[in-house]
Amino acid sequence: MIKLFVGLGNPGSDYEATRHNAGFWWVDELARAFKTHLTMDKGFHGQVGRTTLNGQTVWLLKPQLFMNLSGKSVAALARFFKIEPQEILVVHDELDIVPGEAKLKLGGSHAGHNGLRDIHAQLGTDAYWRLRLGVGHPGIKSEVVDWVLKKPSLDHRIAVDQSIERSLKALPHFLAGEMDKAMMVVHTSKPPRPKLPKPEGQAPAKTAPE
């Protein structure tokens, strides 16, 4: 099961609404769902929340170091409470996914994401779970840094918020350790395609008896 949910972002009001803070947005929504509050814990270099579900303690973490030092916060909490890498879910912004979509994966390349790079270095492994929230790509590599440190357009922000809402529906599976089922929920959580009108004169399709 997932025992530690980590949202990545940069601390401070200047960064609060920027694309790079999508992971913070997700953990904030999770805290609301759990009816728990995150408070600053200097020992873990971040805002920390906890709750107990079915006798198991679950931790929420928003590192308050800058993005490229996120691993120091994650590793400190994970080691203190003896949480294994595969029991950690790190939620972060993803350039290679369009706004409104999310993907779940275990390990793999950090694709230049400084927060993931530091978590890998501090944990000594990439064998933790990642929930990748699409924020889109500016189309030009040299504009990436500016892109993630700016606020998304209104439609992009709405799309990201909707992907957060839908991916939180996988929460029971995260908590049960049913990561295959969680992946199915996350990966099939796109809005339904609009139904196309039937060509004129086409008989309605037969349905199987219930």
N, C-alpha and C. Protein backbone atom coordinates (compact mmCIF):
# COMPACT_ATOMS: atom_id res chain seq x y z
N MET A 1 0.84 -1.20 0.00
CA MET A 1 0.00 0.00 0.00
C MET A 1 0.87 1.25 0.00
N ILE A 2 0.29 2.35 -0.42
CA ILE A 2 1.01 3.62 -0.38
C ILE A 2 0.86 4.19 1.04
N LYS A 3 1.99 4.46 1.66
CA LYS A 3 2.00 5.02 3.02
C LYS A 3 2.42 6.48 3.05
N LEU A 4 3.05 6.94 1.97
CA LEU A 4 3.52 8.32 1.91
C LEU A 4 3.15 8.93 0.56
N PHE A 5 2.33 9.97 0.59
CA PHE A 5 1.95 10.72 -0.61
C PHE A 5 2.74 12.01 -0.61
N VAL A 6 3.53 12.23 -1.66
CA VAL A 6 4.38 13.41 -1.76
C VAL A 6 3.93 14.25 -2.95
N GLY A 7 3.72 15.53 -2.72
CA GLY A 7 3.44 16.45 -3.82
C GLY A 7 4.64 17.35 -4.03
N LEU A 8 5.10 17.49 -5.27
CA LEU A 8 6.26 18.32 -5.55
C LEU A 8 5.85 19.73 -5.98
N GLY A 9 6.68 20.69 -5.59
CA GLY A 9 6.43 22.08 -5.95
C GLY A 9 7.52 22.95 -5.36
N ASN A 10 7.38 24.23 -5.55
CA ASN A 10 8.29 25.21 -4.94
C ASN A 10 7.54 25.97 -3.86
N PRO A 11 8.19 26.25 -2.72
CA PRO A 11 7.51 26.98 -1.64
C PRO A 11 7.36 28.46 -1.96
N GLY A 12 6.37 29.08 -1.32
CA GLY A 12 6.21 30.52 -1.45
C GLY A 12 5.08 30.92 -2.36
N SER A 13 4.50 32.08 -2.09
CA SER A 13 3.34 32.56 -2.85
C SER A 13 3.66 32.86 -4.31
N ASP A 14 4.92 33.17 -4.61
CA ASP A 14 5.30 33.49 -5.99
C ASP A 14 5.12 32.28 -6.91
N TYR A 15 5.22 31.09 -6.35
CA TYR A 15 5.17 29.87 -7.16
C TYR A 15 3.86 29.10 -7.01
N GLU A 16 3.03 29.53 -6.09
CA GLU A 16 1.84 28.76 -5.70
C GLU A 16 0.98 28.32 -6.87
N ALA A 17 0.75 29.18 -7.85
CA ALA A 17 -0.16 28.88 -8.95
C ALA A 17 0.56 28.47 -10.23
N THR A 18 1.88 28.18 -10.15
CA THR A 18 2.63 27.83 -11.36
C THR A 18 2.52 26.34 -11.67
N ARG A 19 2.78 25.99 -12.92
CA ARG A 19 2.64 24.60 -13.38
C ARG A 19 3.49 23.63 -12.55
N HIS A 20 4.68 24.08 -12.14
CA HIS A 20 5.60 23.21 -11.41
C HIS A 20 5.04 22.79 -10.05
N ASN A 21 3.97 23.46 -9.62
CA ASN A 21 3.38 23.16 -8.32
C ASN A 21 2.16 22.26 -8.40
N ALA A 22 1.96 21.61 -9.52
CA ALA A 22 0.79 20.73 -9.68
C ALA A 22 0.76 19.64 -8.61
N GLY A 23 1.92 19.15 -8.22
CA GLY A 23 1.97 18.12 -7.17
C GLY A 23 1.45 18.64 -5.84
N PHE A 24 1.75 19.91 -5.53
CA PHE A 24 1.21 20.54 -4.32
C PHE A 24 -0.32 20.60 -4.40
N TRP A 25 -0.84 20.96 -5.59
CA TRP A 25 -2.30 21.06 -5.74
C TRP A 25 -2.96 19.73 -5.42
N TRP A 26 -2.34 18.64 -5.89
CA TRP A 26 -2.91 17.30 -5.69
C TRP A 26 -2.95 16.95 -4.20
N VAL A 27 -1.83 17.17 -3.50
CA VAL A 27 -1.77 16.84 -2.07
C VAL A 27 -2.72 17.71 -1.26
N ASP A 28 -2.90 18.97 -1.68
CA ASP A 28 -3.88 19.82 -0.99
C ASP A 28 -5.29 19.23 -1.09
N GLU A 29 -5.63 18.71 -2.28
CA GLU A 29 -6.95 18.09 -2.45
C GLU A 29 -7.06 16.80 -1.64
N LEU A 30 -5.96 16.05 -1.56
CA LEU A 30 -5.95 14.82 -0.77
C LEU A 30 -6.16 15.15 0.71
N ALA A 31 -5.49 16.21 1.18
CA ALA A 31 -5.65 16.61 2.58
C ALA A 31 -7.11 16.97 2.88
N ARG A 32 -7.77 17.63 1.92
CA ARG A 32 -9.19 17.96 2.10
C ARG A 32 -10.02 16.67 2.18
N ALA A 33 -9.70 15.72 1.32
CA ALA A 33 -10.44 14.45 1.33
C ALA A 33 -10.25 13.70 2.65
N PHE A 34 -9.04 13.77 3.19
CA PHE A 34 -8.74 13.10 4.46
C PHE A 34 -9.19 13.93 5.67
N LYS A 35 -9.60 15.20 5.41
CA LYS A 35 -9.95 16.13 6.50
C LYS A 35 -8.78 16.27 7.48
N THR A 36 -7.60 16.44 6.92
CA THR A 36 -6.40 16.62 7.74
C THR A 36 -5.68 17.89 7.32
N HIS A 37 -4.83 18.40 8.19
CA HIS A 37 -4.11 19.63 7.93
C HIS A 37 -2.61 19.34 7.83
N LEU A 38 -1.94 20.07 6.97
CA LEU A 38 -0.49 19.95 6.86
C LEU A 38 0.15 21.10 7.65
N THR A 39 1.14 20.75 8.47
CA THR A 39 1.85 21.76 9.24
C THR A 39 3.35 21.61 9.01
N MET A 40 4.08 22.71 9.13
CA MET A 40 5.51 22.70 8.88
C MET A 40 6.24 21.86 9.93
N ASP A 41 7.09 20.97 9.45
CA ASP A 41 7.94 20.15 10.33
C ASP A 41 9.38 20.33 9.86
N LYS A 42 10.16 21.08 10.63
CA LYS A 42 11.53 21.40 10.21
C LYS A 42 12.40 20.15 10.12
N GLY A 43 12.09 19.15 10.92
CA GLY A 43 12.88 17.91 10.88
C GLY A 43 12.77 17.20 9.54
N PHE A 44 11.63 17.38 8.88
CA PHE A 44 11.41 16.73 7.58
C PHE A 44 11.42 17.75 6.44
N HIS A 45 11.78 18.98 6.74
CA HIS A 45 11.94 20.03 5.72
C HIS A 45 10.70 20.21 4.86
N GLY A 46 9.51 20.09 5.47
CA GLY A 46 8.31 20.21 4.66
C GLY A 46 7.05 20.32 5.49
N GLN A 47 5.95 20.53 4.80
CA GLN A 47 4.64 20.52 5.43
C GLN A 47 4.15 19.07 5.47
N VAL A 48 3.77 18.63 6.64
CA VAL A 48 3.46 17.22 6.86
C VAL A 48 2.05 17.07 7.43
N GLY A 49 1.34 16.06 6.94
CA GLY A 49 0.04 15.71 7.49
C GLY A 49 0.01 14.21 7.70
N ARG A 50 -0.87 13.77 8.59
CA ARG A 50 -0.99 12.32 8.82
C ARG A 50 -2.43 11.97 9.15
N THR A 51 -2.79 10.75 8.82
CA THR A 51 -4.10 10.23 9.18
C THR A 51 -3.95 8.73 9.38
N THR A 52 -4.93 8.12 9.98
CA THR A 52 -4.91 6.67 10.20
C THR A 52 -6.11 6.05 9.51
N LEU A 53 -5.84 5.08 8.66
CA LEU A 53 -6.90 4.40 7.92
C LEU A 53 -6.72 2.90 8.09
N ASN A 54 -7.76 2.24 8.57
CA ASN A 54 -7.71 0.79 8.81
C ASN A 54 -6.49 0.40 9.65
N GLY A 55 -6.20 1.24 10.64
CA GLY A 55 -5.09 0.92 11.53
C GLY A 55 -3.72 1.25 11.00
N GLN A 56 -3.65 1.81 9.79
CA GLN A 56 -2.37 2.12 9.17
C GLN A 56 -2.19 3.64 9.07
N THR A 57 -1.02 4.12 9.48
CA THR A 57 -0.74 5.54 9.36
C THR A 57 -0.37 5.89 7.93
N VAL A 58 -0.97 6.95 7.42
CA VAL A 58 -0.70 7.45 6.07
C VAL A 58 -0.18 8.88 6.20
N TRP A 59 0.90 9.16 5.48
CA TRP A 59 1.57 10.45 5.57
C TRP A 59 1.37 11.26 4.28
N LEU A 60 1.25 12.57 4.44
CA LEU A 60 1.20 13.51 3.31
C LEU A 60 2.37 14.46 3.48
N LEU A 61 3.03 14.79 2.37
CA LEU A 61 4.23 15.64 2.46
C LEU A 61 4.31 16.60 1.28
N LYS A 62 4.57 17.86 1.61
CA LYS A 62 4.89 18.88 0.60
C LYS A 62 6.26 19.45 0.98
N PRO A 63 7.35 18.99 0.34
CA PRO A 63 8.68 19.52 0.67
C PRO A 63 8.71 21.04 0.54
N GLN A 64 9.35 21.69 1.52
CA GLN A 64 9.41 23.15 1.49
C GLN A 64 10.82 23.65 1.17
N LEU A 65 11.64 22.75 0.62
CA LEU A 65 12.91 23.14 0.01
C LEU A 65 12.58 23.42 -1.45
N PHE A 66 13.46 24.05 -2.18
CA PHE A 66 13.14 24.25 -3.59
C PHE A 66 13.20 22.92 -4.32
N MET A 67 12.57 22.89 -5.50
CA MET A 67 12.32 21.65 -6.23
C MET A 67 13.55 20.75 -6.31
N ASN A 68 14.72 21.32 -6.60
CA ASN A 68 15.91 20.49 -6.82
C ASN A 68 16.47 19.90 -5.54
N LEU A 69 15.85 20.20 -4.37
CA LEU A 69 16.27 19.61 -3.10
C LEU A 69 15.15 18.77 -2.46
N SER A 70 14.12 18.44 -3.24
CA SER A 70 12.95 17.73 -2.72
C SER A 70 13.31 16.41 -2.06
N GLY A 71 14.33 15.75 -2.58
CA GLY A 71 14.70 14.43 -2.07
C GLY A 71 15.13 14.44 -0.62
N LYS A 72 15.71 15.53 -0.17
CA LYS A 72 16.15 15.62 1.23
C LYS A 72 14.96 15.49 2.17
N SER A 73 13.85 16.11 1.80
CA SER A 73 12.63 16.05 2.59
C SER A 73 12.00 14.65 2.54
N VAL A 74 11.88 14.11 1.33
CA VAL A 74 11.26 12.79 1.15
C VAL A 74 12.05 11.71 1.89
N ALA A 75 13.36 11.71 1.71
CA ALA A 75 14.20 10.68 2.32
C ALA A 75 14.18 10.78 3.85
N ALA A 76 14.16 12.01 4.38
CA ALA A 76 14.15 12.18 5.84
C ALA A 76 12.92 11.54 6.46
N LEU A 77 11.74 11.80 5.88
CA LEU A 77 10.51 11.24 6.44
C LEU A 77 10.44 9.73 6.21
N ALA A 78 10.78 9.30 5.00
CA ALA A 78 10.69 7.87 4.67
C ALA A 78 11.61 7.04 5.56
N ARG A 79 12.81 7.50 5.79
CA ARG A 79 13.75 6.73 6.61
C ARG A 79 13.34 6.71 8.07
N PHE A 80 12.86 7.86 8.55
CA PHE A 80 12.47 7.94 9.97
C PHE A 80 11.34 6.97 10.28
N PHE A 81 10.37 6.87 9.38
CA PHE A 81 9.20 6.02 9.62
C PHE A 81 9.31 4.66 8.90
N LYS A 82 10.51 4.37 8.38
CA LYS A 82 10.77 3.07 7.74
C LYS A 82 9.76 2.76 6.63
N ILE A 83 9.56 3.75 5.77
CA ILE A 83 8.67 3.59 4.61
C ILE A 83 9.52 3.21 3.41
N GLU A 84 9.19 2.10 2.77
CA GLU A 84 9.96 1.61 1.63
C GLU A 84 9.64 2.44 0.37
N PRO A 85 10.60 2.52 -0.57
CA PRO A 85 10.36 3.30 -1.80
C PRO A 85 9.07 2.92 -2.52
N GLN A 86 8.75 1.62 -2.59
CA GLN A 86 7.54 1.20 -3.31
C GLN A 86 6.26 1.55 -2.56
N GLU A 87 6.40 2.09 -1.33
CA GLU A 87 5.24 2.55 -0.56
C GLU A 87 5.07 4.07 -0.66
N ILE A 88 5.84 4.68 -1.56
CA ILE A 88 5.80 6.14 -1.75
C ILE A 88 5.18 6.47 -3.11
N LEU A 89 4.27 7.44 -3.12
CA LEU A 89 3.73 7.96 -4.38
C LEU A 89 4.12 9.44 -4.48
N VAL A 90 4.88 9.77 -5.50
CA VAL A 90 5.30 11.15 -5.75
C VAL A 90 4.45 11.72 -6.88
N VAL A 91 3.78 12.83 -6.61
CA VAL A 91 2.90 13.45 -7.59
C VAL A 91 3.59 14.70 -8.14
N HIS A 92 3.70 14.79 -9.46
CA HIS A 92 4.46 15.91 -10.05
C HIS A 92 3.92 16.31 -11.41
N ASP A 93 4.32 17.49 -11.85
CA ASP A 93 3.94 17.99 -13.18
C ASP A 93 4.70 17.22 -14.25
N GLU A 94 4.08 17.04 -15.40
CA GLU A 94 4.71 16.29 -16.50
C GLU A 94 4.52 17.03 -17.81
N LEU A 95 5.64 17.42 -18.40
CA LEU A 95 5.62 18.17 -19.67
C LEU A 95 5.11 17.35 -20.84
N ASP A 96 5.39 16.05 -20.84
CA ASP A 96 5.09 15.21 -22.00
C ASP A 96 3.67 14.67 -22.01
N ILE A 97 2.83 15.17 -21.12
CA ILE A 97 1.42 14.76 -21.08
C ILE A 97 0.57 16.02 -21.17
N VAL A 98 -0.50 15.96 -21.96
CA VAL A 98 -1.33 17.16 -22.14
C VAL A 98 -2.14 17.46 -20.88
N PRO A 99 -2.46 18.73 -20.63
CA PRO A 99 -3.29 19.06 -19.49
C PRO A 99 -4.62 18.32 -19.55
N GLY A 100 -5.03 17.78 -18.41
CA GLY A 100 -6.27 17.02 -18.36
C GLY A 100 -6.05 15.52 -18.29
N GLU A 101 -4.82 15.08 -18.56
CA GLU A 101 -4.51 13.65 -18.48
C GLU A 101 -3.48 13.42 -17.39
N ALA A 102 -3.45 12.19 -16.87
CA ALA A 102 -2.48 11.81 -15.84
C ALA A 102 -2.03 10.39 -16.12
N LYS A 103 -0.82 10.05 -15.69
CA LYS A 103 -0.28 8.71 -15.89
C LYS A 103 0.40 8.25 -14.60
N LEU A 104 0.28 6.95 -14.32
CA LEU A 104 0.89 6.36 -13.14
C LEU A 104 1.97 5.38 -13.57
N LYS A 105 3.13 5.45 -12.93
CA LYS A 105 4.18 4.50 -13.27
C LYS A 105 5.08 4.26 -12.07
N LEU A 106 5.79 3.15 -12.11
CA LEU A 106 6.78 2.82 -11.09
C LEU A 106 8.16 3.06 -11.65
N GLY A 107 8.92 3.93 -11.01
CA GLY A 107 10.30 4.18 -11.43
C GLY A 107 10.40 4.78 -12.81
N GLY A 108 11.54 4.57 -13.43
CA GLY A 108 11.76 5.07 -14.78
C GLY A 108 12.50 6.38 -14.80
N SER A 109 12.76 6.87 -15.99
CA SER A 109 13.53 8.10 -16.19
C SER A 109 12.85 9.31 -15.56
N HIS A 110 13.67 10.20 -14.97
CA HIS A 110 13.11 11.42 -14.40
C HIS A 110 12.98 12.51 -15.46
N ALA A 111 13.45 12.23 -16.67
CA ALA A 111 13.25 13.11 -17.83
C ALA A 111 13.59 14.58 -17.54
N GLY A 112 14.67 14.79 -16.81
CA GLY A 112 15.11 16.16 -16.56
C GLY A 112 14.37 16.88 -15.46
N HIS A 113 13.46 16.19 -14.75
CA HIS A 113 12.71 16.82 -13.66
C HIS A 113 13.62 16.87 -12.43
N ASN A 114 13.97 18.08 -11.99
CA ASN A 114 14.94 18.22 -10.91
C ASN A 114 14.48 17.63 -9.58
N GLY A 115 13.19 17.70 -9.31
CA GLY A 115 12.67 17.13 -8.08
C GLY A 115 12.84 15.62 -8.06
N LEU A 116 12.51 14.96 -9.16
CA LEU A 116 12.65 13.51 -9.25
C LEU A 116 14.12 13.10 -9.21
N ARG A 117 14.97 13.87 -9.85
CA ARG A 117 16.39 13.57 -9.86
C ARG A 117 16.95 13.54 -8.43
N ASP A 118 16.52 14.51 -7.61
CA ASP A 118 17.03 14.56 -6.24
C ASP A 118 16.44 13.47 -5.36
N ILE A 119 15.16 13.13 -5.60
CA ILE A 119 14.56 12.03 -4.84
C ILE A 119 15.29 10.73 -5.13
N HIS A 120 15.58 10.49 -6.41
CA HIS A 120 16.33 9.30 -6.81
C HIS A 120 17.69 9.27 -6.11
N ALA A 121 18.37 10.41 -6.10
CA ALA A 121 19.70 10.48 -5.49
C ALA A 121 19.63 10.24 -3.98
N GLN A 122 18.64 10.81 -3.31
CA GLN A 122 18.55 10.70 -1.85
C GLN A 122 18.06 9.33 -1.40
N LEU A 123 17.14 8.72 -2.17
CA LEU A 123 16.65 7.38 -1.82
C LEU A 123 17.59 6.29 -2.31
N GLY A 124 18.41 6.63 -3.31
CA GLY A 124 19.31 5.63 -3.88
C GLY A 124 18.63 4.67 -4.82
N THR A 125 17.41 5.00 -5.25
CA THR A 125 16.65 4.15 -6.16
C THR A 125 15.56 4.97 -6.82
N ASP A 126 15.08 4.48 -7.98
CA ASP A 126 13.93 5.12 -8.62
C ASP A 126 12.68 4.26 -8.45
N ALA A 127 12.74 3.26 -7.54
CA ALA A 127 11.65 2.30 -7.41
C ALA A 127 10.52 2.81 -6.51
N TYR A 128 10.11 4.04 -6.75
CA TYR A 128 8.94 4.60 -6.06
C TYR A 128 7.90 4.91 -7.13
N TRP A 129 6.64 5.05 -6.71
CA TRP A 129 5.56 5.31 -7.66
C TRP A 129 5.47 6.79 -7.99
N ARG A 130 5.10 7.07 -9.24
CA ARG A 130 4.96 8.45 -9.69
C ARG A 130 3.61 8.65 -10.36
N LEU A 131 2.91 9.68 -9.92
CA LEU A 131 1.68 10.10 -10.59
C LEU A 131 2.01 11.38 -11.35
N ARG A 132 1.98 11.28 -12.69
CA ARG A 132 2.42 12.37 -13.56
C ARG A 132 1.21 13.15 -14.04
N LEU A 133 1.11 14.40 -13.62
CA LEU A 133 0.00 15.26 -14.01
C LEU A 133 0.40 16.09 -15.22
N GLY A 134 -0.30 15.93 -16.32
CA GLY A 134 0.06 16.63 -17.55
C GLY A 134 -0.12 18.13 -17.43
N VAL A 135 0.93 18.87 -17.82
CA VAL A 135 0.83 20.34 -17.89
C VAL A 135 1.16 20.84 -19.29
N GLY A 136 1.44 19.90 -20.21
CA GLY A 136 1.75 20.28 -21.58
C GLY A 136 3.18 20.79 -21.74
N HIS A 137 3.56 21.00 -22.99
CA HIS A 137 4.94 21.41 -23.35
C HIS A 137 4.85 22.68 -24.19
N PRO A 138 5.77 23.62 -23.97
CA PRO A 138 5.71 24.86 -24.76
C PRO A 138 6.08 24.66 -26.23
N GLY A 139 6.67 23.49 -26.54
CA GLY A 139 7.03 23.20 -27.94
C GLY A 139 8.48 23.52 -28.27
N ILE A 140 9.13 24.30 -27.42
CA ILE A 140 10.53 24.66 -27.64
C ILE A 140 11.29 24.38 -26.34
N LYS A 141 12.34 23.57 -26.45
CA LYS A 141 13.07 23.13 -25.26
C LYS A 141 13.59 24.30 -24.43
N SER A 142 14.05 25.35 -25.09
CA SER A 142 14.64 26.49 -24.37
C SER A 142 13.61 27.26 -23.54
N GLU A 143 12.32 27.00 -23.79
CA GLU A 143 11.26 27.72 -23.07
C GLU A 143 10.68 26.92 -21.91
N VAL A 144 11.21 25.71 -21.69
CA VAL A 144 10.63 24.82 -20.67
C VAL A 144 10.67 25.41 -19.27
N VAL A 145 11.83 25.95 -18.87
CA VAL A 145 11.95 26.49 -17.51
C VAL A 145 10.95 27.62 -17.27
N ASP A 146 10.85 28.51 -18.22
CA ASP A 146 9.91 29.62 -18.10
C ASP A 146 8.48 29.10 -18.06
N TRP A 147 8.21 28.06 -18.84
CA TRP A 147 6.86 27.47 -18.94
C TRP A 147 6.40 26.91 -17.59
N VAL A 148 7.25 26.10 -16.95
CA VAL A 148 6.81 25.46 -15.71
C VAL A 148 6.74 26.44 -14.54
N LEU A 149 7.46 27.56 -14.66
CA LEU A 149 7.45 28.54 -13.58
C LEU A 149 6.44 29.66 -13.82
N LYS A 150 5.54 29.44 -14.78
CA LYS A 150 4.46 30.40 -15.03
C LYS A 150 3.11 29.74 -14.75
N LYS A 151 2.10 30.59 -14.56
CA LYS A 151 0.75 30.08 -14.35
C LYS A 151 0.20 29.54 -15.66
N PRO A 152 -0.53 28.43 -15.61
CA PRO A 152 -1.18 27.94 -16.84
C PRO A 152 -2.33 28.85 -17.23
N SER A 153 -2.75 28.74 -18.49
CA SER A 153 -3.96 29.46 -18.92
C SER A 153 -5.15 28.92 -18.13
N LEU A 154 -6.24 29.64 -18.15
CA LEU A 154 -7.42 29.22 -17.39
C LEU A 154 -7.90 27.84 -17.83
N ASP A 155 -7.98 27.60 -19.18
CA ASP A 155 -8.48 26.27 -19.59
C ASP A 155 -7.52 25.17 -19.18
N HIS A 156 -6.20 25.44 -19.23
CA HIS A 156 -5.23 24.43 -18.80
C HIS A 156 -5.35 24.16 -17.30
N ARG A 157 -5.54 25.22 -16.52
CA ARG A 157 -5.68 25.02 -15.07
C ARG A 157 -6.93 24.20 -14.76
N ILE A 158 -8.02 24.50 -15.44
CA ILE A 158 -9.25 23.73 -15.24
C ILE A 158 -9.02 22.27 -15.60
N ALA A 159 -8.30 22.04 -16.72
CA ALA A 159 -8.03 20.66 -17.16
C ALA A 159 -7.17 19.92 -16.14
N VAL A 160 -6.15 20.59 -15.60
CA VAL A 160 -5.29 19.96 -14.60
C VAL A 160 -6.11 19.65 -13.34
N ASP A 161 -6.94 20.59 -12.91
CA ASP A 161 -7.77 20.37 -11.73
C ASP A 161 -8.71 19.18 -11.94
N GLN A 162 -9.23 19.04 -13.16
CA GLN A 162 -10.12 17.91 -13.44
C GLN A 162 -9.34 16.59 -13.40
N SER A 163 -8.09 16.60 -13.87
CA SER A 163 -7.28 15.38 -13.83
C SER A 163 -6.94 15.02 -12.39
N ILE A 164 -6.77 16.03 -11.54
CA ILE A 164 -6.53 15.78 -10.11
C ILE A 164 -7.76 15.14 -9.49
N GLU A 165 -8.91 15.71 -9.78
CA GLU A 165 -10.16 15.18 -9.22
C GLU A 165 -10.38 13.72 -9.65
N ARG A 166 -10.14 13.45 -10.93
CA ARG A 166 -10.36 12.08 -11.43
C ARG A 166 -9.33 11.10 -10.87
N SER A 167 -8.06 11.51 -10.80
CA SER A 167 -7.03 10.59 -10.32
C SER A 167 -7.20 10.27 -8.83
N LEU A 168 -7.82 11.17 -8.08
CA LEU A 168 -8.09 10.90 -6.67
C LEU A 168 -9.10 9.77 -6.49
N LYS A 169 -9.82 9.43 -7.55
CA LYS A 169 -10.75 8.30 -7.47
C LYS A 169 -10.02 6.97 -7.34
N ALA A 170 -8.72 6.99 -7.62
CA ALA A 170 -7.91 5.77 -7.46
C ALA A 170 -7.41 5.60 -6.03
N LEU A 171 -7.75 6.53 -5.16
CA LEU A 171 -7.24 6.52 -3.78
C LEU A 171 -7.48 5.19 -3.05
N PRO A 172 -8.69 4.59 -3.12
CA PRO A 172 -8.88 3.31 -2.42
C PRO A 172 -7.89 2.25 -2.90
N HIS A 173 -7.55 2.27 -4.18
CA HIS A 173 -6.59 1.29 -4.70
C HIS A 173 -5.17 1.61 -4.23
N PHE A 174 -4.81 2.89 -4.18
CA PHE A 174 -3.50 3.26 -3.64
C PHE A 174 -3.35 2.74 -2.22
N LEU A 175 -4.39 2.92 -1.42
CA LEU A 175 -4.33 2.54 -0.01
C LEU A 175 -4.35 1.03 0.19
N ALA A 176 -4.92 0.32 -0.78
CA ALA A 176 -4.97 -1.15 -0.68
C ALA A 176 -3.77 -1.80 -1.35
N GLY A 177 -2.91 -0.99 -1.98
CA GLY A 177 -1.76 -1.55 -2.68
C GLY A 177 -2.13 -2.20 -4.00
N GLU A 178 -3.32 -1.86 -4.51
CA GLU A 178 -3.78 -2.44 -5.78
C GLU A 178 -3.36 -1.50 -6.91
N MET A 179 -2.07 -1.49 -7.19
CA MET A 179 -1.55 -0.49 -8.12
C MET A 179 -1.97 -0.75 -9.56
N ASP A 180 -2.20 -2.00 -9.92
CA ASP A 180 -2.71 -2.29 -11.27
C ASP A 180 -4.10 -1.69 -11.46
N LYS A 181 -4.93 -1.83 -10.42
CA LYS A 181 -6.27 -1.26 -10.50
C LYS A 181 -6.21 0.26 -10.47
N ALA A 182 -5.31 0.80 -9.66
CA ALA A 182 -5.14 2.25 -9.61
C ALA A 182 -4.73 2.77 -10.98
N MET A 183 -3.84 2.04 -11.64
CA MET A 183 -3.36 2.45 -12.96
C MET A 183 -4.52 2.47 -13.97
N MET A 184 -5.40 1.48 -13.87
CA MET A 184 -6.54 1.45 -14.79
C MET A 184 -7.45 2.65 -14.58
N VAL A 185 -7.66 3.03 -13.32
CA VAL A 185 -8.50 4.19 -13.03
C VAL A 185 -7.85 5.47 -13.57
N VAL A 186 -6.56 5.63 -13.29
CA VAL A 186 -5.85 6.84 -13.71
C VAL A 186 -5.77 6.93 -15.22
N HIS A 187 -5.46 5.81 -15.87
CA HIS A 187 -5.21 5.84 -17.32
C HIS A 187 -6.48 5.83 -18.15
N THR A 188 -7.60 5.49 -17.54
CA THR A 188 -8.84 5.47 -18.31
C THR A 188 -9.77 6.58 -17.82
N SER A 189 -9.19 7.58 -17.17
CA SER A 189 -10.03 8.61 -16.56
C SER A 189 -10.20 9.85 -17.42
N LYS A 190 -9.97 9.69 -18.74
CA LYS A 190 -10.20 10.82 -19.62
C LYS A 190 -11.70 11.09 -19.73
N PRO A 191 -12.09 12.33 -19.98
CA PRO A 191 -13.52 12.61 -20.18
C PRO A 191 -14.04 11.76 -21.35
N PRO A 192 -15.28 11.27 -21.27
CA PRO A 192 -15.81 10.45 -22.35
C PRO A 192 -15.91 11.24 -23.65
N ARG A 193 -15.67 10.54 -24.75
CA ARG A 193 -15.80 11.19 -26.06
C ARG A 193 -17.26 11.47 -26.35
N PRO A 194 -17.55 12.58 -27.01
CA PRO A 194 -18.96 12.85 -27.34
C PRO A 194 -19.50 11.80 -28.31
N LYS A 195 -20.75 11.42 -28.12
CA LYS A 195 -21.35 10.41 -29.00
C LYS A 195 -21.63 11.04 -30.37
N LEU A 196 -21.24 10.31 -31.40
CA LEU A 196 -21.46 10.81 -32.75
C LEU A 196 -22.90 10.52 -33.16
N PRO A 197 -23.55 11.42 -33.90
CA PRO A 197 -24.92 11.16 -34.35
C PRO A 197 -24.94 9.99 -35.33
N LYS A 198 -25.99 9.20 -35.26
CA LYS A 198 -26.11 8.05 -36.16
C LYS A 198 -26.52 8.54 -37.56
N PRO A 199 -25.98 7.91 -38.60
CA PRO A 199 -26.39 8.28 -39.96
C PRO A 199 -27.89 8.07 -40.14
N GLU A 200 -28.52 8.94 -40.92
CA GLU A 200 -29.96 8.85 -41.13
C GLU A 200 -30.32 7.52 -41.76
N GLY A 201 -31.43 6.97 -41.28
CA GLY A 201 -31.92 5.71 -41.85
C GLY A 201 -31.29 4.48 -41.24
N GLN A 202 -30.32 4.66 -40.30
CA GLN A 202 -29.67 3.49 -39.69
C GLN A 202 -30.52 3.00 -38.54
N ALA A 203 -30.76 1.70 -38.54
CA ALA A 203 -31.58 1.11 -37.48
C ALA A 203 -30.81 1.15 -36.17
N PRO A 204 -31.51 1.34 -35.05
CA PRO A 204 -30.82 1.35 -33.76
C PRO A 204 -30.17 0.00 -33.48
N ALA A 205 -29.03 0.02 -32.84
CA ALA A 205 -28.31 -1.22 -32.55
C ALA A 205 -29.09 -2.03 -31.54
N LYS A 206 -29.05 -3.38 -31.71
CA LYS A 206 -29.74 -4.26 -30.77
C LYS A 206 -28.92 -4.36 -29.49
N THR A 207 -29.62 -4.42 -28.39
CA THR A 207 -28.91 -4.57 -27.12
C THR A 207 -29.18 -5.94 -26.54
N ALA A 208 -28.22 -6.46 -25.83
CA ALA A 208 -28.38 -7.78 -25.22
C ALA A 208 -29.37 -7.68 -24.08
N PRO A 209 -30.17 -8.76 -23.84
CA PRO A 209 -31.12 -8.73 -22.73
C PRO A 209 -30.37 -8.66 -21.40
N GLU A 210 -30.96 -7.96 -20.44
CA GLU A 210 -30.30 -7.83 -19.13
C GLU A 210 -30.53 -9.09 -18.32
